[in-house]
Amino acid sequence: MTKHFIILLTLTTLASAALAAPQSFDFKDPKGVNNAVFKLDAPLEAINGSANAIRGTVTFDSTIPAATKGKIVVAAASLHVPNPMMKDHLHGEQWLDVAKHQEITFEVISLSNVKTTGDSTTADVTGTLSIKGVAKQVSAPVKFSYLKDKLGARSNGQMQGDLLVIRSNFAIKRSDFRINPSASEDKVADTIELTLSIAGAAPR
């Protein structure tokens, strides 16, 4: 009886370890729905835009979310504003200089204040944000939604697996990243408000 119990306990432990293994989620979205929204709200003028060429990989373990690691990459040339002239300026040398600096990246360093309720985990994420050749450490609140077996519903049954949805709202300073630093703050706010909403897939 004791031998059988030990074998059962060992199998249960191995099964639990397998279920708890971290998963790798791919954020290159074939639907093109993933997006980052930015806003600069100056006294004389508001600038609103978005980017949707997003990719990256995040390793997430629903049982140990504090161990989350990963990197998200945004194609700088995908940043869009409705005004064509303003878009040219945005992509130009004074602003993002997308010809020389093609990627905006955020790489996770650590998570703190991690709290999980059901499928949702909130935390403060600290990472390295790189824009226009300038890399700075920033912290932001983040919400992870781990959606087991929901990839099929999102892909209309074409793939099976799990989803990880990441949402975050935070602000950075335009001047910290040499984005048109000489611009008047009456027309171009120094604060850039960012909203991220992306879903990554772990097929199986």
C-alpha atoms as a PDB file:
ATOM      1  CA  MET A   1       0.000   0.000   0.000  1.00  0.00           C
ATOM      2  CA  THR A   2       2.815   2.383   0.965  1.00  0.00           C
ATOM      3  CA  LYS A   3       4.618   1.695  -2.316  1.00  0.00           C
ATOM      4  CA  HIS A   4       1.484   2.399  -4.337  1.00  0.00           C
ATOM      5  CA  PHE A   5       0.904   5.616  -2.387  1.00  0.00           C
ATOM      6  CA  ILE A   6       4.450   6.810  -3.108  1.00  0.00           C
ATOM      7  CA  ILE A   7       4.048   6.059  -6.814  1.00  0.00           C
ATOM      8  CA  LEU A   8       0.715   7.914  -6.896  1.00  0.00           C
ATOM      9  CA  LEU A   9       2.200  10.875  -5.058  1.00  0.00           C
ATOM     10  CA  THR A  10       5.146  11.003  -7.453  1.00  0.00           C
ATOM     11  CA  LEU A  11       2.886  10.919 -10.508  1.00  0.00           C
ATOM     12  CA  THR A  12       0.669  13.637  -9.045  1.00  0.00           C
ATOM     13  CA  THR A  13       3.701  15.818  -8.340  1.00  0.00           C
ATOM     14  CA  LEU A  14       5.038  15.330 -11.858  1.00  0.00           C
ATOM     15  CA  ALA A  15       1.649  16.127 -13.353  1.00  0.00           C
ATOM     16  CA  SER A  16       1.354  19.284 -11.262  1.00  0.00           C
ATOM     17  CA  ALA A  17       4.837  20.368 -12.314  1.00  0.00           C
ATOM     18  CA  ALA A  18       3.954  19.842 -15.963  1.00  0.00           C
ATOM     19  CA  LEU A  19       0.778  21.880 -15.628  1.00  0.00           C
ATOM     20  CA  ALA A  20       2.666  24.652 -13.849  1.00  0.00           C
ATOM     21  CA  ALA A  21       5.363  24.940 -16.522  1.00  0.00           C
ATOM     22  CA  PRO A  22       5.782  28.452 -17.929  1.00  0.00           C
ATOM     23  CA  GLN A  23       4.290  29.068 -21.358  1.00  0.00           C
ATOM     24  CA  SER A  24       5.688  31.149 -24.178  1.00  0.00           C
ATOM     25  CA  PHE A  25       3.147  33.521 -25.753  1.00  0.00           C
ATOM     26  CA  ASP A  26       3.690  34.947 -29.241  1.00  0.00           C
ATOM     27  CA  PHE A  27       2.371  38.518 -29.665  1.00  0.00           C
ATOM     28  CA  LYS A  28       2.646  38.710 -33.432  1.00  0.00           C
ATOM     29  CA  ASP A  29      -1.074  38.981 -34.099  1.00  0.00           C
ATOM     30  CA  PRO A  30      -2.270  37.696 -37.494  1.00  0.00           C
ATOM     31  CA  LYS A  31      -5.570  39.552 -36.978  1.00  0.00           C
ATOM     32  CA  GLY A  32      -3.797  42.908 -36.624  1.00  0.00           C
ATOM     33  CA  VAL A  33      -5.910  43.788 -33.591  1.00  0.00           C
ATOM     34  CA  ASN A  34      -3.077  44.330 -31.105  1.00  0.00           C
ATOM     35  CA  ASN A  35      -2.454  48.029 -30.653  1.00  0.00           C
ATOM     36  CA  ALA A  36      -0.723  50.742 -28.685  1.00  0.00           C
ATOM     37  CA  VAL A  37      -2.440  54.129 -28.406  1.00  0.00           C
ATOM     38  CA  PHE A  38      -0.612  57.367 -27.618  1.00  0.00           C
ATOM     39  CA  LYS A  39      -1.834  60.845 -26.697  1.00  0.00           C
ATOM     40  CA  LEU A  40      -0.118  64.195 -26.206  1.00  0.00           C
ATOM     41  CA  ASP A  41      -2.576  66.735 -24.773  1.00  0.00           C
ATOM     42  CA  ALA A  42      -1.009  70.223 -24.938  1.00  0.00           C
ATOM     43  CA  PRO A  43      -2.932  73.449 -24.128  1.00  0.00           C
ATOM     44  CA  LEU A  44      -3.151  74.473 -27.794  1.00  0.00           C
ATOM     45  CA  GLU A  45      -3.257  71.102 -29.526  1.00  0.00           C
ATOM     46  CA  ALA A  46      -3.928  67.432 -28.853  1.00  0.00           C
ATOM     47  CA  ILE A  47      -2.164  64.701 -30.781  1.00  0.00           C
ATOM     48  CA  ASN A  48      -3.715  61.227 -30.828  1.00  0.00           C
ATOM     49  CA  GLY A  49      -2.457  58.177 -32.646  1.00  0.00           C
ATOM     50  CA  SER A  50      -1.811  54.454 -32.570  1.00  0.00           C
ATOM     51  CA  ALA A  51       0.510  51.680 -33.680  1.00  0.00           C
ATOM     52  CA  ASN A  52      -0.455  48.137 -34.606  1.00  0.00           C
ATOM     53  CA  ALA A  53       2.705  46.472 -35.942  1.00  0.00           C
ATOM     54  CA  ILE A  54       3.454  44.721 -32.653  1.00  0.00           C
ATOM     55  CA  ARG A  55       5.352  41.526 -31.979  1.00  0.00           C
ATOM     56  CA  GLY A  56       7.277  39.886 -29.169  1.00  0.00           C
ATOM     57  CA  THR A  57       7.367  36.957 -26.792  1.00  0.00           C
ATOM     58  CA  VAL A  58       6.330  36.785 -23.143  1.00  0.00           C
ATOM     59  CA  THR A  59       6.980  33.814 -20.856  1.00  0.00           C
ATOM     60  CA  PHE A  60       4.194  33.509 -18.296  1.00  0.00           C
ATOM     61  CA  ASP A  61       3.415  30.970 -15.578  1.00  0.00           C
ATOM     62  CA  SER A  62      -0.095  31.322 -14.147  1.00  0.00           C
ATOM     63  CA  THR A  63       1.086  29.787 -10.861  1.00  0.00           C
ATOM     64  CA  ILE A  64       4.138  32.074 -10.553  1.00  0.00           C
ATOM     65  CA  PRO A  65       3.228  35.281 -12.426  1.00  0.00           C
ATOM     66  CA  ALA A  66       5.996  37.230 -10.661  1.00  0.00           C
ATOM     67  CA  ALA A  67       8.498  35.258 -12.777  1.00  0.00           C
ATOM     68  CA  THR A  68       7.136  36.747 -16.010  1.00  0.00           C
ATOM     69  CA  LYS A  69       9.765  37.714 -18.586  1.00  0.00           C
ATOM     70  CA  GLY A  70       9.575  38.943 -22.145  1.00  0.00           C
ATOM     71  CA  LYS A  71      10.031  41.645 -24.737  1.00  0.00           C
ATOM     72  CA  ILE A  72       7.487  43.580 -26.781  1.00  0.00           C
ATOM     73  CA  VAL A  73       8.525  45.284 -30.032  1.00  0.00           C
ATOM     74  CA  VAL A  74       6.617  47.997 -31.925  1.00  0.00           C
ATOM     75  CA  ALA A  75       7.597  48.927 -35.489  1.00  0.00           C
ATOM     76  CA  ALA A  76       8.172  52.687 -35.237  1.00  0.00           C
ATOM     77  CA  ALA A  77       6.973  53.261 -38.809  1.00  0.00           C
ATOM     78  CA  SER A  78       3.570  51.838 -37.863  1.00  0.00           C
ATOM     79  CA  LEU A  79       2.810  54.821 -35.603  1.00  0.00           C
ATOM     80  CA  HIS A  80      -0.065  56.641 -37.241  1.00  0.00           C
ATOM     81  CA  VAL A  81      -1.919  59.936 -36.787  1.00  0.00           C
ATOM     82  CA  PRO A  82      -4.844  61.087 -38.959  1.00  0.00           C
ATOM     83  CA  ASN A  83      -3.139  64.243 -40.288  1.00  0.00           C
ATOM     84  CA  PRO A  84      -0.733  63.270 -43.147  1.00  0.00           C
ATOM     85  CA  MET A  85       1.646  66.196 -42.555  1.00  0.00           C
ATOM     86  CA  MET A  86       1.761  65.482 -38.836  1.00  0.00           C
ATOM     87  CA  LYS A  87       2.471  61.830 -39.616  1.00  0.00           C
ATOM     88  CA  ASP A  88       5.456  62.853 -41.782  1.00  0.00           C
ATOM     89  CA  HIS A  89       6.767  64.968 -38.900  1.00  0.00           C
ATOM     90  CA  LEU A  90       6.216  62.103 -36.450  1.00  0.00           C
ATOM     91  CA  HIS A  91       8.344  59.777 -38.593  1.00  0.00           C
ATOM     92  CA  GLY A  92      10.971  62.425 -39.313  1.00  0.00           C
ATOM     93  CA  GLU A  93      14.364  63.117 -37.757  1.00  0.00           C
ATOM     94  CA  GLN A  94      13.160  65.567 -35.102  1.00  0.00           C
ATOM     95  CA  TRP A  95      10.543  63.165 -33.784  1.00  0.00           C
ATOM     96  CA  LEU A  96      11.080  59.385 -34.009  1.00  0.00           C
ATOM     97  CA  ASP A  97      13.516  59.238 -36.941  1.00  0.00           C
ATOM     98  CA  VAL A  98      12.071  55.894 -38.010  1.00  0.00           C
ATOM     99  CA  ALA A  99      14.593  55.487 -40.839  1.00  0.00           C
ATOM    100  CA  LYS A 100      17.383  55.091 -38.261  1.00  0.00           C
ATOM    101  CA  HIS A 101      15.430  53.805 -35.265  1.00  0.00           C
ATOM    102  CA  GLN A 102      13.028  51.235 -36.610  1.00  0.00           C
ATOM    103  CA  GLU A 103      11.888  49.643 -33.345  1.00  0.00           C
ATOM    104  CA  ILE A 104      10.423  50.730 -30.035  1.00  0.00           C
ATOM    105  CA  THR A 105      11.016  48.012 -27.427  1.00  0.00           C
ATOM    106  CA  PHE A 106      10.083  47.193 -23.868  1.00  0.00           C
ATOM    107  CA  GLU A 107      11.908  44.381 -22.077  1.00  0.00           C
ATOM    108  CA  VAL A 108      10.708  43.136 -18.687  1.00  0.00           C
ATOM    109  CA  ILE A 109      13.129  43.304 -15.756  1.00  0.00           C
ATOM    110  CA  SER A 110      10.861  42.434 -12.833  1.00  0.00           C
ATOM    111  CA  LEU A 111       7.320  42.438 -11.442  1.00  0.00           C
ATOM    112  CA  SER A 112       6.225  43.663  -8.010  1.00  0.00           C
ATOM    113  CA  ASN A 113       2.953  44.042  -6.072  1.00  0.00           C
ATOM    114  CA  VAL A 114       1.642  40.935  -7.840  1.00  0.00           C
ATOM    115  CA  LYS A 115      -1.982  40.025  -7.086  1.00  0.00           C
ATOM    116  CA  THR A 116      -3.993  37.266  -8.745  1.00  0.00           C
ATOM    117  CA  THR A 117      -7.760  36.827  -8.687  1.00  0.00           C
ATOM    118  CA  GLY A 118      -9.175  34.084 -10.884  1.00  0.00           C
ATOM    119  CA  ASP A 119      -7.781  34.486 -14.403  1.00  0.00           C
ATOM    120  CA  SER A 120      -6.482  38.031 -13.812  1.00  0.00           C
ATOM    121  CA  THR A 121      -3.164  39.170 -12.393  1.00  0.00           C
ATOM    122  CA  THR A 122      -2.269  42.789 -11.655  1.00  0.00           C
ATOM    123  CA  ALA A 123       1.252  43.983 -10.978  1.00  0.00           C
ATOM    124  CA  ASP A 124       3.742  46.806 -11.371  1.00  0.00           C
ATOM    125  CA  VAL A 125       6.157  45.925 -14.128  1.00  0.00           C
ATOM    126  CA  THR A 126       9.644  47.417 -14.361  1.00  0.00           C
ATOM    127  CA  GLY A 127      11.461  47.211 -17.639  1.00  0.00           C
ATOM    128  CA  THR A 128      13.738  48.887 -20.151  1.00  0.00           C
ATOM    129  CA  LEU A 129      11.949  51.096 -22.673  1.00  0.00           C
ATOM    130  CA  SER A 130      13.973  51.978 -25.769  1.00  0.00           C
ATOM    131  CA  ILE A 131      12.838  54.765 -28.110  1.00  0.00           C
ATOM    132  CA  LYS A 132      14.931  56.580 -30.713  1.00  0.00           C
ATOM    133  CA  GLY A 133      18.151  55.036 -29.434  1.00  0.00           C
ATOM    134  CA  VAL A 134      17.518  56.042 -25.818  1.00  0.00           C
ATOM    135  CA  ALA A 135      17.010  53.273 -23.235  1.00  0.00           C
ATOM    136  CA  LYS A 136      15.442  54.106 -19.872  1.00  0.00           C
ATOM    137  CA  GLN A 137      14.077  52.058 -16.998  1.00  0.00           C
ATOM    138  CA  VAL A 138      10.369  52.673 -16.462  1.00  0.00           C
ATOM    139  CA  SER A 139       7.643  51.193 -14.270  1.00  0.00           C
ATOM    140  CA  ALA A 140       3.990  50.803 -15.148  1.00  0.00           C
ATOM    141  CA  PRO A 141       0.863  49.080 -13.859  1.00  0.00           C
ATOM    142  CA  VAL A 142      -0.096  46.020 -15.873  1.00  0.00           C
ATOM    143  CA  LYS A 143      -2.958  43.546 -16.010  1.00  0.00           C
ATOM    144  CA  PHE A 144      -2.500  39.998 -17.320  1.00  0.00           C
ATOM    145  CA  SER A 145      -5.552  37.930 -18.275  1.00  0.00           C
ATOM    146  CA  TYR A 146      -4.650  34.261 -18.665  1.00  0.00           C
ATOM    147  CA  LEU A 147      -7.354  32.680 -20.829  1.00  0.00           C
ATOM    148  CA  LYS A 148      -6.921  28.926 -20.924  1.00  0.00           C
ATOM    149  CA  ASP A 149      -8.251  27.159 -24.057  1.00  0.00           C
ATOM    150  CA  LYS A 150      -9.491  30.460 -25.569  1.00  0.00           C
ATOM    151  CA  LEU A 151      -7.192  30.604 -28.600  1.00  0.00           C
ATOM    152  CA  GLY A 152      -9.679  28.575 -30.627  1.00  0.00           C
ATOM    153  CA  ALA A 153     -12.442  31.117 -29.989  1.00  0.00           C
ATOM    154  CA  ARG A 154     -10.182  34.010 -31.064  1.00  0.00           C
ATOM    155  CA  SER A 155      -8.877  32.231 -34.165  1.00  0.00           C
ATOM    156  CA  ASN A 156     -12.283  30.905 -35.277  1.00  0.00           C
ATOM    157  CA  GLY A 157     -11.161  27.359 -34.574  1.00  0.00           C
ATOM    158  CA  GLN A 158      -8.013  27.536 -36.712  1.00  0.00           C
ATOM    159  CA  MET A 159      -5.696  27.010 -33.716  1.00  0.00           C
ATOM    160  CA  GLN A 160      -6.077  25.536 -30.254  1.00  0.00           C
ATOM    161  CA  GLY A 161      -4.289  26.749 -27.164  1.00  0.00           C
ATOM    162  CA  ASP A 162      -4.198  29.495 -24.551  1.00  0.00           C
ATOM    163  CA  LEU A 163      -4.223  33.294 -24.665  1.00  0.00           C
ATOM    164  CA  LEU A 164      -2.462  35.917 -22.582  1.00  0.00           C
ATOM    165  CA  VAL A 165      -3.961  39.405 -22.784  1.00  0.00           C
ATOM    166  CA  ILE A 166      -1.880  42.318 -21.512  1.00  0.00           C
ATOM    167  CA  ARG A 167      -3.297  45.760 -20.772  1.00  0.00           C
ATOM    168  CA  SER A 168      -1.441  48.775 -19.403  1.00  0.00           C
ATOM    169  CA  ASN A 169      -1.839  52.542 -19.085  1.00  0.00           C
ATOM    170  CA  PHE A 170       1.158  54.720 -18.239  1.00  0.00           C
ATOM    171  CA  ALA A 171       2.956  57.932 -19.195  1.00  0.00           C
ATOM    172  CA  ILE A 172       6.471  58.857 -20.291  1.00  0.00           C
ATOM    173  CA  LYS A 173       8.243  62.144 -21.003  1.00  0.00           C
ATOM    174  CA  ARG A 174       8.880  63.085 -24.620  1.00  0.00           C
ATOM    175  CA  SER A 175      12.024  64.974 -23.604  1.00  0.00           C
ATOM    176  CA  ASP A 176      13.483  61.866 -21.900  1.00  0.00           C
ATOM    177  CA  PHE A 177      13.690  60.158 -25.293  1.00  0.00           C
ATOM    178  CA  ARG A 178      14.850  63.154 -27.386  1.00  0.00           C
ATOM    179  CA  ILE A 179      11.532  63.293 -29.253  1.00  0.00           C
ATOM    180  CA  ASN A 180      11.477  66.822 -30.721  1.00  0.00           C
ATOM    181  CA  PRO A 181      12.913  68.243 -27.486  1.00  0.00           C
ATOM    182  CA  SER A 182      12.829  71.853 -28.717  1.00  0.00           C
ATOM    183  CA  ALA A 183       9.076  71.859 -29.420  1.00  0.00           C
ATOM    184  CA  SER A 184       6.951  74.312 -27.440  1.00  0.00           C
ATOM    185  CA  GLU A 185       4.957  72.560 -24.724  1.00  0.00           C
ATOM    186  CA  ASP A 186       2.013  74.841 -25.526  1.00  0.00           C
ATOM    187  CA  LYS A 187       1.613  72.930 -28.792  1.00  0.00           C
ATOM    188  CA  VAL A 188       3.325  69.606 -28.073  1.00  0.00           C
ATOM    189  CA  ALA A 189       2.863  68.147 -24.586  1.00  0.00           C
ATOM    190  CA  ASP A 190       5.948  66.725 -22.920  1.00  0.00           C
ATOM    191  CA  THR A 191       3.843  63.975 -21.362  1.00  0.00           C
ATOM    192  CA  ILE A 192       2.951  61.083 -23.661  1.00  0.00           C
ATOM    193  CA  GLU A 193       0.059  58.971 -22.385  1.00  0.00           C
ATOM    194  CA  LEU A 194       0.290  55.348 -23.535  1.00  0.00           C
ATOM    195  CA  THR A 195      -2.354  52.624 -23.593  1.00  0.00           C
ATOM    196  CA  LEU A 196      -1.393  49.066 -24.498  1.00  0.00           C
ATOM    197  CA  SER A 197      -3.852  46.292 -25.317  1.00  0.00           C
ATOM    198  CA  ILE A 198      -2.350  43.127 -26.808  1.00  0.00           C
ATOM    199  CA  ALA A 199      -3.040  39.398 -26.908  1.00  0.00           C
ATOM    200  CA  GLY A 200      -0.450  36.646 -27.243  1.00  0.00           C
ATOM    201  CA  ALA A 201      -1.010  33.047 -28.287  1.00  0.00           C
ATOM    202  CA  ALA A 202       0.402  29.783 -26.970  1.00  0.00           C
ATOM    203  CA  PRO A 203      -0.776  27.153 -29.494  1.00  0.00           C
ATOM    204  CA  ARG A 204      -0.759  23.432 -28.758  1.00  0.00           C
END
